[in-house]
N, C-alpha and C. Protein backbone atom coordinates (compact mmCIF):
# COMPACT_ATOMS: atom_id res chain seq x y z
N MET A 1 0.26 -14.22 -4.14
CA MET A 1 1.41 -13.37 -3.91
C MET A 1 0.89 -12.08 -3.37
N ALA A 2 1.68 -11.38 -2.51
CA ALA A 2 1.27 -10.00 -1.86
C ALA A 2 1.89 -9.02 -3.02
N ILE A 3 0.81 -8.04 -2.91
CA ILE A 3 1.33 -6.87 -3.67
C ILE A 3 1.79 -5.59 -2.96
N THR A 4 2.56 -4.87 -3.09
CA THR A 4 3.06 -3.85 -2.17
C THR A 4 2.62 -2.66 -2.93
N VAL A 5 1.86 -1.83 -2.22
CA VAL A 5 0.82 -0.52 -2.32
C VAL A 5 1.50 0.58 -1.48
N ILE A 6 1.47 1.64 -2.09
CA ILE A 6 1.31 2.80 -1.24
C ILE A 6 -0.11 3.42 -1.31
N VAL A 7 -0.58 3.83 -0.25
CA VAL A 7 -2.07 4.18 -0.06
C VAL A 7 -2.20 5.47 0.66
N HIS A 8 -2.97 6.28 -0.28
CA HIS A 8 -2.76 7.92 0.04
C HIS A 8 -4.26 7.87 0.72
N ILE A 9 -4.19 8.25 2.05
CA ILE A 9 -5.40 8.10 2.88
C ILE A 9 -5.65 9.48 3.21
N GLU A 10 -6.95 10.13 3.05
CA GLU A 10 -7.40 11.64 3.10
C GLU A 10 -6.94 12.05 4.25
N ASN A 11 -6.23 13.10 4.48
CA ASN A 11 -5.60 13.92 5.44
C ASN A 11 -4.90 13.33 6.34
N GLN A 12 -3.81 12.27 5.80
CA GLN A 12 -2.78 11.53 6.75
C GLN A 12 -1.73 11.13 5.82
N GLU A 13 -0.85 10.62 6.36
CA GLU A 13 0.48 10.47 5.73
C GLU A 13 0.31 9.43 4.89
N LEU A 14 1.45 8.94 3.80
CA LEU A 14 0.93 7.81 3.04
C LEU A 14 1.41 6.48 4.03
N VAL A 15 0.64 5.49 3.38
CA VAL A 15 1.00 4.44 3.96
C VAL A 15 1.40 3.22 3.14
N VAL A 16 2.60 2.50 3.44
CA VAL A 16 3.00 1.25 2.52
C VAL A 16 2.66 0.24 3.34
N GLY A 17 2.36 -1.10 2.36
CA GLY A 17 1.94 -2.19 2.93
C GLY A 17 1.67 -3.04 1.74
N GLU A 18 1.07 -4.22 2.29
CA GLU A 18 0.87 -5.11 1.22
C GLU A 18 -0.45 -5.71 1.32
N ILE A 19 -1.30 -6.03 -0.11
CA ILE A 19 -2.76 -6.45 0.07
C ILE A 19 -2.10 -8.01 -0.87
N ASP A 20 -3.33 -8.81 -0.53
CA ASP A 20 -3.53 -9.96 -1.00
C ASP A 20 -4.22 -9.92 -2.58
N GLU A 21 -4.83 -9.02 -2.65
CA GLU A 21 -5.60 -8.82 -3.85
C GLU A 21 -5.84 -7.50 -4.49
N MET A 22 -6.09 -7.26 -5.40
CA MET A 22 -6.52 -5.82 -6.01
C MET A 22 -8.22 -5.71 -5.54
N PRO A 23 -8.30 -4.48 -5.05
CA PRO A 23 -9.77 -4.59 -4.50
C PRO A 23 -10.64 -4.13 -5.64
N ASN A 24 -11.69 -4.47 -5.47
CA ASN A 24 -12.99 -4.33 -6.48
C ASN A 24 -13.64 -3.39 -6.56
N PRO A 25 -14.54 -2.68 -7.49
CA PRO A 25 -15.09 -1.54 -7.35
C PRO A 25 -16.05 -1.32 -6.52
N GLY A 26 -16.71 -2.81 -5.72
CA GLY A 26 -17.63 -2.75 -5.02
C GLY A 26 -17.17 -2.72 -3.35
N ASP A 27 -16.14 -2.95 -3.44
CA ASP A 27 -15.30 -3.38 -1.83
C ASP A 27 -15.72 -2.01 -1.35
N GLN A 28 -15.82 -2.14 0.38
CA GLN A 28 -15.84 -1.03 1.19
C GLN A 28 -14.93 -0.79 1.98
N PHE A 29 -13.99 -1.64 2.11
CA PHE A 29 -12.58 -1.57 2.79
C PHE A 29 -11.38 -2.40 2.09
N ILE A 30 -10.28 -1.58 2.52
CA ILE A 30 -9.05 -2.22 1.93
C ILE A 30 -8.42 -2.85 2.97
N VAL A 31 -7.80 -3.90 3.05
CA VAL A 31 -6.94 -4.47 3.81
C VAL A 31 -5.62 -4.49 3.69
N VAL A 32 -4.74 -4.03 4.51
CA VAL A 32 -3.41 -3.60 4.22
C VAL A 32 -2.65 -4.51 5.27
N LYS A 33 -1.61 -5.12 4.68
CA LYS A 33 -0.82 -6.00 5.87
C LYS A 33 0.32 -5.16 6.10
N ASN A 34 1.27 -5.30 7.42
CA ASN A 34 2.29 -4.84 7.49
C ASN A 34 2.47 -3.17 7.30
N PRO A 35 1.25 -2.41 7.70
CA PRO A 35 1.36 -0.95 7.22
C PRO A 35 2.54 -0.21 8.03
N ARG A 36 2.99 0.47 7.12
CA ARG A 36 4.18 1.26 7.78
C ARG A 36 4.53 2.57 6.95
N LYS A 37 5.23 3.42 7.47
CA LYS A 37 5.66 4.86 6.82
C LYS A 37 6.39 4.53 5.41
N ARG A 38 6.35 5.67 4.59
CA ARG A 38 7.29 5.04 3.41
C ARG A 38 8.76 4.98 3.87
N ASP A 39 9.28 5.32 4.74
CA ASP A 39 10.54 5.27 5.32
C ASP A 39 10.61 3.95 5.95
N GLY A 40 10.02 3.07 6.25
CA GLY A 40 9.76 1.82 6.82
C GLY A 40 9.47 2.19 8.44
N LYS A 41 9.17 3.48 9.11
CA LYS A 41 8.85 3.24 10.64
C LYS A 41 7.48 3.11 10.74
N ASP A 42 7.49 2.83 11.85
CA ASP A 42 5.88 2.56 12.63
C ASP A 42 4.82 3.63 12.36
N LEU A 43 3.84 3.40 11.84
CA LEU A 43 2.59 4.64 11.87
C LEU A 43 2.43 4.89 13.39
N SER A 44 2.43 6.27 13.81
CA SER A 44 2.17 6.76 15.14
C SER A 44 0.99 6.39 15.85
N TYR A 45 -0.28 6.28 14.94
CA TYR A 45 -1.43 6.21 15.51
C TYR A 45 -2.09 4.82 15.54
N LEU A 46 -0.83 3.76 15.24
CA LEU A 46 -1.16 2.42 15.43
C LEU A 46 -0.75 1.79 16.43
N ASN A 47 -1.49 0.80 17.47
CA ASN A 47 -0.88 0.33 18.46
C ASN A 47 0.64 -0.77 18.18
N GLU A 48 1.16 -0.62 18.96
CA GLU A 48 2.66 -1.87 19.05
C GLU A 48 1.91 -3.18 18.25
N GLY A 49 2.61 -3.59 17.40
CA GLY A 49 2.72 -4.99 17.14
C GLY A 49 0.99 -5.28 16.10
N VAL A 50 0.61 -4.25 15.60
CA VAL A 50 -0.75 -4.54 14.68
C VAL A 50 0.11 -4.61 13.32
N THR A 51 -0.37 -5.88 12.71
CA THR A 51 -0.14 -6.41 11.31
C THR A 51 -0.96 -5.97 10.25
N THR A 52 -2.20 -5.92 10.68
CA THR A 52 -3.09 -5.78 9.39
C THR A 52 -4.21 -4.60 10.08
N VAL A 53 -4.69 -3.79 8.90
CA VAL A 53 -5.26 -2.80 9.00
C VAL A 53 -6.48 -2.70 7.89
N LEU A 54 -7.64 -2.28 8.48
CA LEU A 54 -8.74 -2.29 7.41
C LEU A 54 -9.10 -0.61 7.38
N TRP A 55 -9.05 -0.37 6.14
CA TRP A 55 -9.19 1.19 5.86
C TRP A 55 -10.72 1.43 5.03
N PRO A 56 -11.50 2.05 5.50
CA PRO A 56 -12.67 2.46 4.30
C PRO A 56 -12.32 3.16 3.27
N MET A 57 -12.75 2.39 2.18
CA MET A 57 -12.53 3.13 0.92
C MET A 57 -12.79 4.33 0.72
N THR A 58 -13.94 4.85 1.55
CA THR A 58 -14.32 6.48 1.33
C THR A 58 -13.23 7.34 1.79
N LYS A 59 -12.25 6.84 2.57
CA LYS A 59 -11.03 7.49 3.02
C LYS A 59 -9.71 7.52 1.90
N ILE A 60 -10.12 6.83 0.99
CA ILE A 60 -8.76 6.34 0.34
C ILE A 60 -9.13 7.49 -0.97
N ASN A 61 -7.43 8.29 -1.12
CA ASN A 61 -7.75 9.09 -2.41
C ASN A 61 -7.31 8.27 -3.61
N PHE A 62 -6.27 7.50 -3.45
CA PHE A 62 -5.68 6.71 -4.57
C PHE A 62 -4.84 5.79 -3.90
N ILE A 63 -4.50 4.82 -4.90
CA ILE A 63 -3.44 3.62 -4.48
C ILE A 63 -2.46 3.59 -5.56
N GLU A 64 -1.18 3.16 -5.31
CA GLU A 64 -0.09 3.09 -6.06
C GLU A 64 0.23 1.71 -5.94
N LEU A 65 0.50 1.17 -7.03
CA LEU A 65 0.79 -0.22 -7.19
C LEU A 65 2.55 -0.24 -7.46
N MET A 66 3.07 -0.71 -6.42
CA MET A 66 4.73 -0.81 -6.73
C MET A 66 4.92 -1.91 -7.80
N PRO A 67 5.95 -1.74 -8.52
CA PRO A 67 6.60 -3.00 -9.38
C PRO A 67 7.05 -4.19 -8.36
N THR A 68 6.65 -5.41 -9.28
CA THR A 68 7.12 -6.83 -8.47
C THR A 68 8.48 -6.64 -8.89
N GLU A 69 9.26 -7.63 -8.27
CA GLU A 69 10.84 -7.94 -8.55
C GLU A 69 10.72 -8.21 -9.91
N GLU A 70 9.94 -9.14 -10.60
CA GLU A 70 10.09 -9.76 -11.87
C GLU A 70 9.75 -8.25 -12.98
N GLU A 71 9.00 -7.46 -12.42
CA GLU A 71 8.88 -6.28 -13.42
C GLU A 71 10.02 -5.14 -13.24
N GLU A 72 10.77 -5.59 -12.39
CA GLU A 72 11.87 -4.59 -12.19
C GLU A 72 13.03 -4.95 -13.01
N LYS A 73 13.09 -6.34 -13.15
CA LYS A 73 14.00 -6.95 -14.40
C LYS A 73 13.69 -6.58 -15.59
N ILE A 74 12.54 -6.26 -16.03
CA ILE A 74 12.41 -6.02 -17.49
C ILE A 74 13.11 -4.48 -17.86
N ILE A 75 13.72 -4.51 -19.03
CA ILE A 75 14.37 -3.58 -19.10
C ILE A 75 13.63 -2.96 -20.04
N GLY A 76 13.62 -1.28 -19.79
CA GLY A 76 13.01 -0.65 -20.34
C GLY A 76 13.58 0.35 -21.29
N PHE A 77 13.07 1.60 -21.62
CA PHE A 77 14.05 2.55 -22.62
C PHE A 77 15.11 3.09 -21.40
N VAL A 78 16.09 3.09 -22.29
CA VAL A 78 17.54 3.87 -21.12
C VAL A 78 17.97 4.98 -22.27
N ARG A 79 17.97 5.82 -21.43
CA ARG A 79 18.43 7.30 -22.01
C ARG A 79 20.39 7.34 -21.59
N GLU A 80 21.21 7.24 -22.43
CA GLU A 80 22.60 7.75 -22.13
C GLU A 80 22.79 8.98 -22.38
């Protein structure tokens, strides 16, 4: 099951994409499938048709994990 993430890359715009599994502490690269801007547009620095990109972990500031559909169905605290 793919995990949707927002990758914060050093000195670049945010990248949204999917990863197959969480990176391990010893990994040197992160493999991101279907990389795109947060608004869904293509990244200007990638060639047309690119579907998978490897970024070195040394360039990654942090990674945000987006909730899955199942997690979104869980009802949390609601303030009325």
